[in-house]
């Protein structure tokens, strides 16, 4: 019979953007891709964000920085 491991529960604050790595990614996009730009329509904004995310996916140093700022680390495959 398998033994059960104890469950650990952590109480997190209701709003904690500093614990969410996605907030770091949005911060990078706001400072680069969508900075100082007026968009013609929502589709133009969506295209710019997609373009920025495509460029960002090759910047592993930036993505690792977004994770590190939350205390998380990328696990090698």
N, C-alpha and C. Protein backbone atom coordinates (compact mmCIF):
# COMPACT_ATOMS: atom_id res chain seq x y z
N UNK A 1 0.84 -1.19 0.00
CA UNK A 1 0.00 0.00 0.00
C UNK A 1 0.88 1.25 0.00
N UNK A 2 0.56 2.19 -0.83
CA UNK A 2 1.35 3.41 -0.95
C UNK A 2 1.07 4.35 0.22
N UNK A 3 2.11 5.01 0.66
CA UNK A 3 1.94 5.99 1.74
C UNK A 3 1.60 7.34 1.13
N UNK A 4 0.75 8.08 1.78
CA UNK A 4 0.35 9.38 1.30
C UNK A 4 1.31 10.44 1.82
N UNK A 5 1.64 11.39 0.95
CA UNK A 5 2.49 12.51 1.35
C UNK A 5 1.61 13.58 1.97
N UNK A 6 2.13 14.29 2.96
CA UNK A 6 1.31 15.36 3.57
C UNK A 6 1.08 16.50 2.58
N UNK A 7 -0.03 17.13 2.70
CA UNK A 7 -0.39 18.25 1.85
C UNK A 7 0.08 19.54 2.51
N UNK A 8 0.75 20.38 1.75
CA UNK A 8 1.20 21.67 2.26
C UNK A 8 0.36 22.75 1.60
N UNK A 9 -0.19 23.63 2.41
CA UNK A 9 -1.03 24.71 1.91
C UNK A 9 -0.33 26.03 2.20
N UNK A 10 -0.28 26.90 1.19
CA UNK A 10 0.32 28.21 1.34
C UNK A 10 -0.77 29.26 1.16
N UNK A 11 -0.85 30.18 2.08
CA UNK A 11 -1.79 31.29 1.98
C UNK A 11 -1.15 32.38 1.15
N UNK A 12 -1.71 32.67 -0.01
CA UNK A 12 -1.19 33.71 -0.88
C UNK A 12 -2.08 34.95 -0.79
N UNK A 13 -1.50 36.11 -1.04
CA UNK A 13 -2.32 37.32 -1.05
C UNK A 13 -3.33 37.28 -2.18
N UNK A 14 -4.42 38.03 -2.02
CA UNK A 14 -5.47 38.04 -3.04
C UNK A 14 -4.97 38.58 -4.37
N UNK A 15 -4.14 39.61 -4.33
CA UNK A 15 -3.62 40.21 -5.55
C UNK A 15 -2.11 40.28 -5.41
N UNK A 16 -1.40 39.52 -6.21
CA UNK A 16 0.05 39.46 -6.11
C UNK A 16 0.68 39.40 -7.50
N UNK A 17 0.72 40.53 -8.22
CA UNK A 17 1.31 40.50 -9.55
C UNK A 17 2.80 40.17 -9.53
N UNK A 18 3.47 40.43 -8.41
CA UNK A 18 4.89 40.12 -8.33
C UNK A 18 5.15 38.62 -8.26
N UNK A 19 4.12 37.80 -8.03
CA UNK A 19 4.27 36.34 -8.03
C UNK A 19 3.86 35.71 -9.36
N UNK A 20 3.46 36.54 -10.32
CA UNK A 20 2.95 36.04 -11.60
C UNK A 20 3.93 36.40 -12.71
N UNK A 21 4.61 35.41 -13.33
CA UNK A 21 5.59 35.72 -14.37
C UNK A 21 4.98 36.37 -15.62
N UNK A 22 3.69 36.20 -15.84
CA UNK A 22 3.04 36.81 -17.00
C UNK A 22 3.06 38.34 -16.89
N UNK A 23 3.00 38.85 -15.67
CA UNK A 23 3.07 40.30 -15.48
C UNK A 23 4.38 40.86 -16.00
N UNK A 24 5.47 40.12 -15.81
CA UNK A 24 6.76 40.56 -16.33
C UNK A 24 6.78 40.59 -17.84
N UNK A 25 6.15 39.61 -18.46
CA UNK A 25 6.08 39.57 -19.92
C UNK A 25 5.27 40.74 -20.45
N UNK A 26 4.14 41.04 -19.81
CA UNK A 26 3.33 42.20 -20.23
C UNK A 26 4.11 43.49 -20.05
N UNK A 27 4.90 43.56 -18.99
CA UNK A 27 5.71 44.75 -18.76
C UNK A 27 6.71 44.95 -19.90
N UNK A 28 7.34 43.87 -20.33
CA UNK A 28 8.29 43.96 -21.46
C UNK A 28 7.56 44.40 -22.72
N UNK A 29 6.40 43.82 -22.99
CA UNK A 29 5.64 44.19 -24.20
C UNK A 29 5.21 45.66 -24.15
N UNK A 30 4.79 46.12 -22.98
CA UNK A 30 4.36 47.52 -22.86
C UNK A 30 5.53 48.48 -23.10
N UNK A 31 6.74 48.08 -22.73
CA UNK A 31 7.90 48.96 -22.92
C UNK A 31 8.49 48.85 -24.31
N UNK A 32 8.15 47.82 -25.08
CA UNK A 32 8.78 47.63 -26.39
C UNK A 32 7.75 47.68 -27.51
N UNK A 33 6.96 46.65 -27.65
CA UNK A 33 6.07 46.48 -28.80
C UNK A 33 4.96 47.51 -28.87
N UNK A 34 4.32 47.79 -27.78
CA UNK A 34 3.15 48.68 -27.81
C UNK A 34 3.44 50.07 -27.25
N UNK A 35 4.71 50.36 -26.96
CA UNK A 35 5.06 51.65 -26.37
C UNK A 35 4.87 52.79 -27.37
N UNK A 36 4.28 53.88 -26.91
CA UNK A 36 4.14 55.11 -27.70
C UNK A 36 3.55 54.87 -29.09
N UNK A 37 2.49 54.12 -29.12
CA UNK A 37 1.88 53.79 -30.41
C UNK A 37 0.36 53.89 -30.30
N UNK A 38 -0.25 54.49 -31.30
CA UNK A 38 -1.71 54.53 -31.38
C UNK A 38 -2.15 53.45 -32.36
N UNK A 39 -3.10 52.65 -31.97
CA UNK A 39 -3.56 51.54 -32.80
C UNK A 39 -4.84 51.94 -33.53
N UNK A 40 -4.91 51.55 -34.79
CA UNK A 40 -6.05 51.92 -35.62
C UNK A 40 -7.33 51.23 -35.17
N UNK A 41 -7.21 49.98 -34.73
CA UNK A 41 -8.37 49.21 -34.30
C UNK A 41 -7.88 48.05 -33.43
N UNK A 42 -8.78 47.32 -32.80
CA UNK A 42 -8.36 46.21 -31.94
C UNK A 42 -7.52 45.15 -32.67
N UNK A 43 -7.81 44.94 -33.95
CA UNK A 43 -7.04 43.96 -34.71
C UNK A 43 -5.58 44.39 -34.86
N UNK A 44 -5.35 45.69 -34.98
CA UNK A 44 -3.99 46.22 -35.07
C UNK A 44 -3.25 45.97 -33.75
N UNK A 45 -3.92 46.17 -32.63
CA UNK A 45 -3.33 45.91 -31.32
C UNK A 45 -3.01 44.42 -31.16
N UNK A 46 -3.94 43.57 -31.55
CA UNK A 46 -3.73 42.12 -31.44
C UNK A 46 -2.54 41.69 -32.28
N UNK A 47 -2.43 42.22 -33.49
CA UNK A 47 -1.30 41.87 -34.37
C UNK A 47 0.02 42.32 -33.75
N UNK A 48 0.04 43.51 -33.14
CA UNK A 48 1.27 44.00 -32.53
C UNK A 48 1.67 43.14 -31.32
N UNK A 49 0.71 42.75 -30.50
CA UNK A 49 1.01 41.91 -29.35
C UNK A 49 1.51 40.55 -29.80
N UNK A 50 0.88 39.97 -30.81
CA UNK A 50 1.34 38.67 -31.32
C UNK A 50 2.76 38.77 -31.88
N UNK A 51 3.04 39.84 -32.59
CA UNK A 51 4.37 40.04 -33.13
C UNK A 51 5.39 40.17 -32.01
N UNK A 52 5.03 40.91 -30.98
CA UNK A 52 5.92 41.07 -29.83
C UNK A 52 6.16 39.76 -29.10
N UNK A 53 5.12 38.95 -28.93
CA UNK A 53 5.27 37.65 -28.27
C UNK A 53 6.13 36.70 -29.11
N UNK A 54 5.96 36.77 -30.44
CA UNK A 54 6.81 35.92 -31.31
C UNK A 54 8.27 36.30 -31.18
N UNK A 55 8.56 37.59 -31.11
CA UNK A 55 9.94 38.04 -30.94
C UNK A 55 10.47 37.67 -29.56
N UNK A 56 9.63 37.75 -28.58
CA UNK A 56 10.03 37.48 -27.20
C UNK A 56 10.30 36.00 -26.95
N UNK A 57 9.67 35.12 -27.70
CA UNK A 57 9.86 33.69 -27.46
C UNK A 57 11.30 33.24 -27.74
N UNK A 58 12.05 34.01 -28.49
CA UNK A 58 13.44 33.69 -28.77
C UNK A 58 14.41 34.36 -27.81
N UNK A 59 13.90 35.19 -26.91
CA UNK A 59 14.73 35.88 -25.93
C UNK A 59 14.66 35.15 -24.60
N UNK A 60 15.37 34.04 -24.51
CA UNK A 60 15.31 33.22 -23.31
C UNK A 60 15.82 33.96 -22.08
N UNK A 61 16.76 34.87 -22.27
CA UNK A 61 17.27 35.64 -21.15
C UNK A 61 16.18 36.52 -20.54
N UNK A 62 15.34 37.10 -21.38
CA UNK A 62 14.25 37.95 -20.89
C UNK A 62 13.19 37.10 -20.20
N UNK A 63 12.84 35.97 -20.82
CA UNK A 63 11.84 35.09 -20.22
C UNK A 63 12.32 34.52 -18.89
N UNK A 64 13.59 34.13 -18.83
CA UNK A 64 14.15 33.64 -17.57
C UNK A 64 14.12 34.74 -16.51
N UNK A 65 14.35 35.98 -16.93
CA UNK A 65 14.29 37.10 -15.99
C UNK A 65 12.89 37.30 -15.42
N UNK A 66 11.87 37.10 -16.26
CA UNK A 66 10.49 37.22 -15.79
C UNK A 66 10.19 36.13 -14.76
N UNK A 67 10.71 34.93 -14.98
CA UNK A 67 10.52 33.84 -14.02
C UNK A 67 11.31 34.10 -12.74
N UNK A 68 12.57 34.52 -12.89
CA UNK A 68 13.43 34.73 -11.73
C UNK A 68 12.88 35.81 -10.81
N UNK A 69 12.25 36.83 -11.38
CA UNK A 69 11.71 37.90 -10.55
C UNK A 69 10.60 37.43 -9.63
N UNK A 70 9.99 36.28 -9.95
CA UNK A 70 8.93 35.72 -9.10
C UNK A 70 9.48 34.69 -8.13
N UNK A 71 10.75 34.35 -8.28
CA UNK A 71 11.33 33.31 -7.42
C UNK A 71 11.25 31.94 -8.04
N UNK A 72 10.71 31.83 -9.27
CA UNK A 72 10.62 30.56 -9.98
C UNK A 72 11.84 30.39 -10.87
N UNK A 73 12.10 29.15 -11.27
CA UNK A 73 13.18 28.84 -12.19
C UNK A 73 12.69 27.89 -13.25
N UNK A 74 13.24 28.05 -14.46
CA UNK A 74 12.88 27.17 -15.55
C UNK A 74 13.55 25.81 -15.34
N UNK A 75 12.77 24.76 -15.45
CA UNK A 75 13.29 23.40 -15.29
C UNK A 75 13.75 22.89 -16.65
N UNK A 76 14.97 22.36 -16.74
CA UNK A 76 15.39 21.80 -18.04
C UNK A 76 14.56 20.56 -18.37
N UNK A 77 14.31 20.31 -19.66
CA UNK A 77 13.48 19.16 -20.04
C UNK A 77 14.12 17.83 -19.73
